[in-house]
Amino acid sequence: MTAVVATSAGAAVLVLSESDWTARRAAHEHRVDGWIAPHLRRRRRGERHPVWDFLFEYYSYRPAQLRRWHPGFGAVLDGPAADGYLRFAGYRRTPDGIGLDLGAFDERRLAAARWVRRLLIATASRPGQFGCFGLHEWAMVYRLPVDRIRHATQSLRFSRERIAEIVDEQRLACTHFDAFRFFTPPARPRNALQPTRPDQATLEQPGCLHANMDLYKWAYKLAPFIGSELIADAFALAAEIRALDMRASPYDLTALGYRPVPIETVQGRVEYARGQREFADRAAVLRRRLLGEVDRLLAAAAVSS
């Protein structure tokens, strides 16, 4: 069974019985295997996938890291099997079992946690913007030679000339630096903003697909102090968002099972904005959860220092 006990320092910890935490670990591994097993099979065959490769290559958390279950800060693992966690950085033996040691949360990680906190709060404080219509993916191929297109194994839905016309007809309004930095040189001046890395906390807003996918990154950056279930929830949302991201792109992914969202039409733009709003609502819940965990971690670190 699981019990909450008070440590000698007076801080509450959650003690997870061996049957409890091993069951949670098995459920997590089963869930993640559904994502990583197809990816690893494709990788062995040398097959590219513009949706799933992004999640495992653009983001630096490796499949084995995503699959490895961690309880997160404030939980202690009971039972002999918990000793296996001592081989992972950050764990130590306590009177109640095996748990994470705040001593491993050094100044570098504290600074990262504070930065993530500021970004999460700043993003949540702004109204969502829903008028970009996914044109960032179009701006990444705008007037680009064919041999330099990123997803070269995928067909484009239009000629390069027609793609340029569609971009020219629309307003580029990307607020996310890590999307904007992949714009082609001719596309960058056309954007309403010129985002930079220092501007990120100033410009990030909750309607942005990439800002909401990045909740996964901010969660795993603080692993193992952020629990694996929350990281997996963020990954699951990122996977759904990435599918819309690429369905609204100029690439034709019909053969992979992704129906295009034709943002070059009024109906397609309405469909895209509707999906964008739904993802923003779901991401807001995850953002609050992650912020709560970061706040709890920072508060504990302040007490222990």
Protein backbone atom coordinates (compact mmCIF):
# COMPACT_ATOMS: atom_id res chain seq x y z
CA MET A 1 0.00 0.00 0.00
CA THR A 2 0.99 3.65 -0.33
CA ALA A 3 1.40 5.84 2.74
CA VAL A 4 2.39 9.41 3.50
CA VAL A 5 4.93 9.73 6.29
CA ALA A 6 6.83 12.64 7.81
CA THR A 7 10.59 12.64 7.55
CA SER A 8 12.83 13.76 10.37
CA ALA A 9 13.09 17.15 8.65
CA GLY A 10 9.32 17.49 8.84
CA ALA A 11 8.75 17.32 5.08
CA ALA A 12 6.00 15.05 3.83
CA VAL A 13 6.97 12.30 1.41
CA LEU A 14 4.88 9.75 -0.43
CA VAL A 15 6.05 6.20 0.24
CA LEU A 16 5.05 3.88 -2.58
CA SER A 17 4.80 0.20 -1.80
CA GLU A 18 6.66 -2.14 -4.13
CA SER A 19 3.41 -3.52 -5.57
CA ASP A 20 2.16 0.02 -6.21
CA TRP A 21 5.20 1.51 -7.89
CA THR A 22 6.05 -1.57 -9.93
CA ALA A 23 2.48 -1.58 -11.28
CA ARG A 24 2.78 2.10 -12.18
CA ARG A 25 6.12 1.45 -13.82
CA ALA A 26 4.69 -1.43 -15.89
CA ALA A 27 1.72 0.68 -17.00
CA HIS A 28 4.04 3.50 -18.03
CA GLU A 29 6.32 1.17 -20.00
CA HIS A 30 3.34 -0.40 -21.77
CA ARG A 31 2.02 3.03 -22.72
CA VAL A 32 5.35 4.28 -24.01
CA ASP A 33 6.09 1.07 -25.90
CA GLY A 34 3.10 1.87 -28.09
CA TRP A 35 4.95 4.98 -29.25
CA ILE A 36 8.56 3.92 -29.39
CA ALA A 37 8.29 0.37 -30.78
CA PRO A 38 6.99 1.51 -34.22
CA HIS A 39 9.56 4.30 -34.26
CA LEU A 40 12.42 1.88 -33.60
CA ARG A 41 11.15 -0.51 -36.28
CA ARG A 42 11.06 2.32 -38.81
CA ARG A 43 14.53 3.43 -37.80
CA ARG A 44 15.92 -0.09 -38.31
CA ARG A 45 14.37 -0.11 -41.80
CA GLY A 46 15.72 3.35 -42.58
CA GLU A 47 12.21 4.78 -42.99
CA ARG A 48 11.54 8.45 -42.26
CA HIS A 49 8.34 9.74 -40.65
CA PRO A 50 7.79 13.52 -40.47
CA VAL A 51 5.45 13.32 -37.47
CA TRP A 52 7.11 10.78 -35.19
CA ASP A 53 10.74 11.47 -36.11
CA PHE A 54 10.26 15.05 -34.96
CA LEU A 55 9.23 13.86 -31.51
CA PHE A 56 12.30 11.66 -31.12
CA GLU A 57 14.90 13.72 -32.98
CA TYR A 58 14.04 17.40 -32.59
CA TYR A 59 13.41 16.70 -28.90
CA SER A 60 16.51 15.33 -27.22
CA TYR A 61 14.84 12.84 -24.86
CA ARG A 62 15.75 9.43 -26.21
CA PRO A 63 13.23 6.56 -26.46
CA ALA A 64 14.95 4.67 -23.62
CA GLN A 65 14.74 7.77 -21.40
CA LEU A 66 11.05 8.25 -22.15
CA ARG A 67 10.38 4.59 -21.34
CA ARG A 68 12.25 4.64 -18.02
CA TRP A 69 9.79 5.32 -15.19
CA HIS A 70 10.62 7.74 -12.40
CA PRO A 71 8.24 8.58 -9.55
CA GLY A 72 9.27 12.23 -9.39
CA PHE A 73 10.38 14.35 -6.47
CA GLY A 74 8.71 13.70 -3.11
CA ALA A 75 8.04 10.00 -3.67
CA VAL A 76 10.03 7.19 -2.07
CA LEU A 77 10.12 3.63 -3.40
CA ASP A 78 9.75 0.81 -0.90
CA GLY A 79 10.91 -2.77 -1.25
CA PRO A 80 14.05 -4.62 -2.39
CA ALA A 81 13.44 -3.92 -6.09
CA ALA A 82 13.84 -0.20 -5.43
CA ASP A 83 17.59 -0.67 -4.96
CA GLY A 84 17.85 -0.81 -8.75
CA TYR A 85 17.22 2.94 -8.83
CA LEU A 86 20.46 3.60 -6.99
CA ARG A 87 22.28 3.18 -10.30
CA PHE A 88 20.53 6.28 -11.67
CA ALA A 89 21.89 9.75 -10.94
CA GLY A 90 20.03 11.65 -8.25
CA TYR A 91 18.77 8.75 -6.16
CA ARG A 92 19.79 7.88 -2.63
CA ARG A 93 18.73 5.59 0.18
CA THR A 94 16.57 7.16 2.89
CA PRO A 95 15.07 5.69 6.09
CA ASP A 96 11.80 5.25 4.18
CA GLY A 97 13.17 3.78 0.94
CA ILE A 98 14.84 4.92 -2.28
CA GLY A 99 14.12 8.47 -3.36
CA LEU A 100 15.51 11.50 -5.14
CA ASP A 101 18.11 13.60 -3.39
CA LEU A 102 17.64 17.36 -3.61
CA GLY A 103 21.40 17.62 -3.27
CA ALA A 104 21.56 16.47 -6.89
CA PHE A 105 19.44 19.45 -7.90
CA ASP A 106 22.44 21.72 -8.35
CA GLU A 107 22.61 25.41 -9.27
CA ARG A 108 22.48 24.65 -12.98
CA ARG A 109 19.24 22.73 -12.62
CA LEU A 110 17.83 25.29 -10.20
CA ALA A 111 18.47 28.00 -12.78
CA ALA A 112 16.77 25.87 -15.45
CA ALA A 113 13.75 25.30 -13.20
CA ARG A 114 13.43 29.01 -12.48
CA TRP A 115 13.65 29.82 -16.20
CA VAL A 116 10.99 27.20 -17.03
CA ARG A 117 8.76 28.62 -14.30
CA ARG A 118 9.05 32.14 -15.70
CA LEU A 119 8.26 30.91 -19.21
CA LEU A 120 5.23 28.88 -18.09
CA ILE A 121 3.78 31.79 -16.13
CA ALA A 122 4.44 34.29 -18.91
CA THR A 123 2.87 32.05 -21.56
CA ALA A 124 -0.23 31.38 -19.45
CA SER A 125 -0.67 35.10 -18.74
CA ARG A 126 -1.31 36.00 -22.39
CA PRO A 127 -4.33 35.50 -24.61
CA GLY A 128 -3.92 32.85 -27.27
CA GLN A 129 -3.40 33.94 -30.86
CA PHE A 130 -5.18 31.83 -33.44
CA GLY A 131 -4.45 33.55 -36.73
CA CYS A 132 -1.15 32.02 -37.84
CA PHE A 133 -2.86 29.06 -39.60
CA GLY A 134 0.24 26.88 -39.45
CA LEU A 135 2.07 28.90 -42.07
CA HIS A 136 5.39 28.36 -40.29
CA GLU A 137 5.80 25.04 -42.13
CA TRP A 138 5.13 26.81 -45.41
CA ALA A 139 7.66 29.50 -44.53
CA MET A 140 10.25 26.76 -44.01
CA VAL A 141 10.05 25.81 -47.71
CA TYR A 142 9.24 29.26 -49.12
CA ARG A 143 11.33 29.83 -52.27
CA LEU A 144 13.67 27.05 -51.21
CA PRO A 145 15.50 24.86 -53.77
CA VAL A 146 14.03 21.36 -53.95
CA ASP A 147 17.27 19.73 -52.79
CA ARG A 148 17.16 21.69 -49.51
CA ILE A 149 13.62 20.83 -48.41
CA ARG A 150 13.68 19.21 -44.96
CA HIS A 151 11.17 16.38 -45.50
CA ALA A 152 12.56 15.40 -48.87
CA THR A 153 10.97 11.93 -48.79
CA GLN A 154 7.47 13.47 -48.76
CA SER A 155 5.67 14.95 -51.73
CA LEU A 156 4.50 18.55 -51.66
CA ARG A 157 0.82 19.27 -52.26
CA PHE A 158 1.68 22.14 -54.57
CA SER A 159 4.49 23.30 -56.80
CA ARG A 160 7.16 25.50 -55.26
CA GLU A 161 5.72 28.42 -57.22
CA ARG A 162 2.19 27.86 -55.87
CA ILE A 163 3.54 27.47 -52.31
CA ALA A 164 5.24 30.85 -52.68
CA GLU A 165 1.98 32.39 -53.93
CA ILE A 166 0.04 30.99 -50.96
CA VAL A 167 2.59 32.40 -48.51
CA ASP A 168 2.56 35.74 -50.32
CA GLU A 169 -1.22 35.87 -50.05
CA GLN A 170 -1.21 35.32 -46.28
CA ARG A 171 0.14 37.15 -43.23
CA LEU A 172 3.00 35.39 -41.44
CA ALA A 173 2.53 35.84 -37.68
CA CYS A 174 4.79 33.29 -35.97
CA THR A 175 5.61 34.08 -32.32
CA HIS A 176 7.78 31.04 -31.59
CA PHE A 177 11.53 31.41 -32.01
CA ASP A 178 12.23 27.70 -32.52
CA ALA A 179 9.84 27.66 -35.48
CA PHE A 180 10.89 31.04 -36.84
CA ARG A 181 14.58 30.12 -36.88
CA PHE A 182 13.84 27.51 -39.57
CA PHE A 183 12.15 30.03 -41.89
CA THR A 184 13.94 30.45 -45.19
CA PRO A 185 15.83 33.74 -45.58
CA PRO A 186 13.20 35.19 -47.97
CA ALA A 187 10.40 34.30 -45.51
CA ARG A 188 11.88 35.86 -42.38
CA PRO A 189 11.30 39.53 -43.32
CA ARG A 190 7.68 38.67 -44.15
CA ASN A 191 6.92 37.64 -40.55
CA ALA A 192 5.11 40.20 -38.43
CA LEU A 193 7.67 39.65 -35.63
CA GLN A 194 11.34 38.81 -35.58
CA PRO A 195 11.54 36.45 -32.56
CA THR A 196 14.89 35.85 -30.86
CA ARG A 197 15.88 33.50 -28.07
CA PRO A 198 16.00 36.30 -25.45
CA ASP A 199 12.48 37.31 -26.52
CA GLN A 200 11.02 33.86 -25.88
CA ALA A 201 9.42 34.59 -22.50
CA THR A 202 8.11 37.88 -23.91
CA LEU A 203 6.50 36.46 -27.05
CA GLU A 204 5.41 32.92 -26.16
CA GLN A 205 1.61 32.58 -26.15
CA PRO A 206 -0.74 29.66 -25.42
CA GLY A 207 -2.30 29.41 -28.87
CA CYS A 208 1.01 28.39 -30.46
CA LEU A 209 1.23 24.71 -31.41
CA HIS A 210 4.97 24.64 -30.87
CA ALA A 211 4.78 26.32 -27.47
CA ASN A 212 2.31 23.65 -26.41
CA MET A 213 4.40 20.82 -27.82
CA ASP A 214 7.34 22.22 -25.88
CA LEU A 215 5.63 21.45 -22.58
CA TYR A 216 7.11 18.01 -23.20
CA LYS A 217 10.60 19.51 -23.42
CA TRP A 218 10.25 21.60 -20.26
CA ALA A 219 9.01 18.55 -18.37
CA TYR A 220 11.81 16.18 -19.41
CA LYS A 221 14.48 18.85 -18.92
CA LEU A 222 13.76 18.51 -15.18
CA ALA A 223 13.64 14.70 -15.13
CA PRO A 224 13.85 12.63 -12.99
CA PHE A 225 12.52 15.25 -10.55
CA ILE A 226 9.39 15.57 -12.72
CA GLY A 227 7.52 12.26 -12.69
CA SER A 228 7.37 10.12 -15.79
CA GLU A 229 3.58 10.03 -16.01
CA LEU A 230 3.48 13.82 -16.45
CA ILE A 231 6.26 13.66 -19.03
CA ALA A 232 4.36 10.96 -20.92
CA ASP A 233 1.15 13.02 -20.81
CA ALA A 234 3.06 15.93 -22.34
CA PHE A 235 4.53 13.64 -25.01
CA ALA A 236 1.07 12.30 -25.88
CA LEU A 237 -0.26 15.81 -26.38
CA ALA A 238 2.81 16.80 -28.39
CA ALA A 239 2.24 13.82 -30.71
CA GLU A 240 -1.34 14.89 -31.43
CA ILE A 241 -0.28 18.50 -31.96
CA ARG A 242 2.52 17.49 -34.31
CA ALA A 243 0.00 15.58 -36.42
CA LEU A 244 -2.07 18.75 -36.91
CA ASP A 245 1.14 20.71 -37.50
CA MET A 246 2.07 18.49 -40.43
CA ARG A 247 -1.49 18.03 -41.74
CA ALA A 248 -1.63 21.80 -42.17
CA SER A 249 1.77 21.89 -43.88
CA PRO A 250 2.43 21.95 -47.64
CA TYR A 251 3.44 18.27 -47.50
CA ASP A 252 1.11 15.51 -48.65
CA LEU A 253 1.06 12.86 -45.89
CA THR A 254 -2.07 11.08 -47.13
CA ALA A 255 -0.13 7.86 -47.69
CA LEU A 256 0.84 7.89 -44.01
CA GLY A 257 -2.78 8.27 -42.94
CA TYR A 258 -2.85 12.03 -42.35
CA ARG A 259 -5.62 13.91 -44.13
CA PRO A 260 -4.49 17.42 -45.12
CA VAL A 261 -5.93 20.47 -43.42
CA PRO A 262 -6.02 22.83 -46.43
CA ILE A 263 -5.13 26.13 -44.78
CA GLU A 264 -4.93 27.66 -48.26
CA THR A 265 -8.75 27.71 -48.10
CA VAL A 266 -11.15 29.49 -45.75
CA GLN A 267 -12.59 26.16 -44.59
CA GLY A 268 -9.14 24.80 -43.88
CA ARG A 269 -8.16 27.85 -41.85
CA VAL A 270 -11.33 27.52 -39.77
CA GLU A 271 -10.54 23.84 -39.15
CA TYR A 272 -6.97 24.63 -38.17
CA ALA A 273 -7.95 27.40 -35.74
CA ARG A 274 -10.55 25.13 -34.14
CA GLY A 275 -7.94 22.42 -33.55
CA GLN A 276 -5.50 25.04 -32.31
CA ARG A 277 -8.00 26.24 -29.69
CA GLU A 278 -8.74 22.71 -28.52
CA PHE A 279 -5.05 22.00 -28.07
CA ALA A 280 -4.56 25.30 -26.26
CA ASP A 281 -7.24 24.30 -23.73
CA ARG A 282 -5.65 20.91 -23.14
CA ALA A 283 -2.17 22.37 -22.93
CA ALA A 284 -3.35 24.87 -20.31
CA VAL A 285 -4.19 21.97 -17.98
CA LEU A 286 -0.75 20.40 -18.52
CA ARG A 287 0.95 23.76 -18.08
CA ARG A 288 -0.71 24.20 -14.69
CA ARG A 289 0.28 20.68 -13.64
CA LEU A 290 3.88 21.22 -14.67
CA LEU A 291 4.02 24.63 -13.00
CA GLY A 292 2.69 23.09 -9.79
CA GLU A 293 5.46 20.49 -9.82
CA VAL A 294 8.14 23.08 -10.55
CA ASP A 295 6.86 25.30 -7.73
CA ARG A 296 6.89 22.38 -5.30
CA LEU A 297 10.42 21.45 -6.32
CA LEU A 298 11.73 25.00 -6.01
CA ALA A 299 10.06 25.44 -2.62
CA ALA A 300 11.70 22.26 -1.32
CA ALA A 301 15.06 23.30 -2.73
CA ALA A 302 14.78 26.67 -0.97
CA VAL A 303 14.03 24.98 2.38
CA SER A 304 16.93 22.56 2.05
CA SER A 305 19.51 25.18 1.06
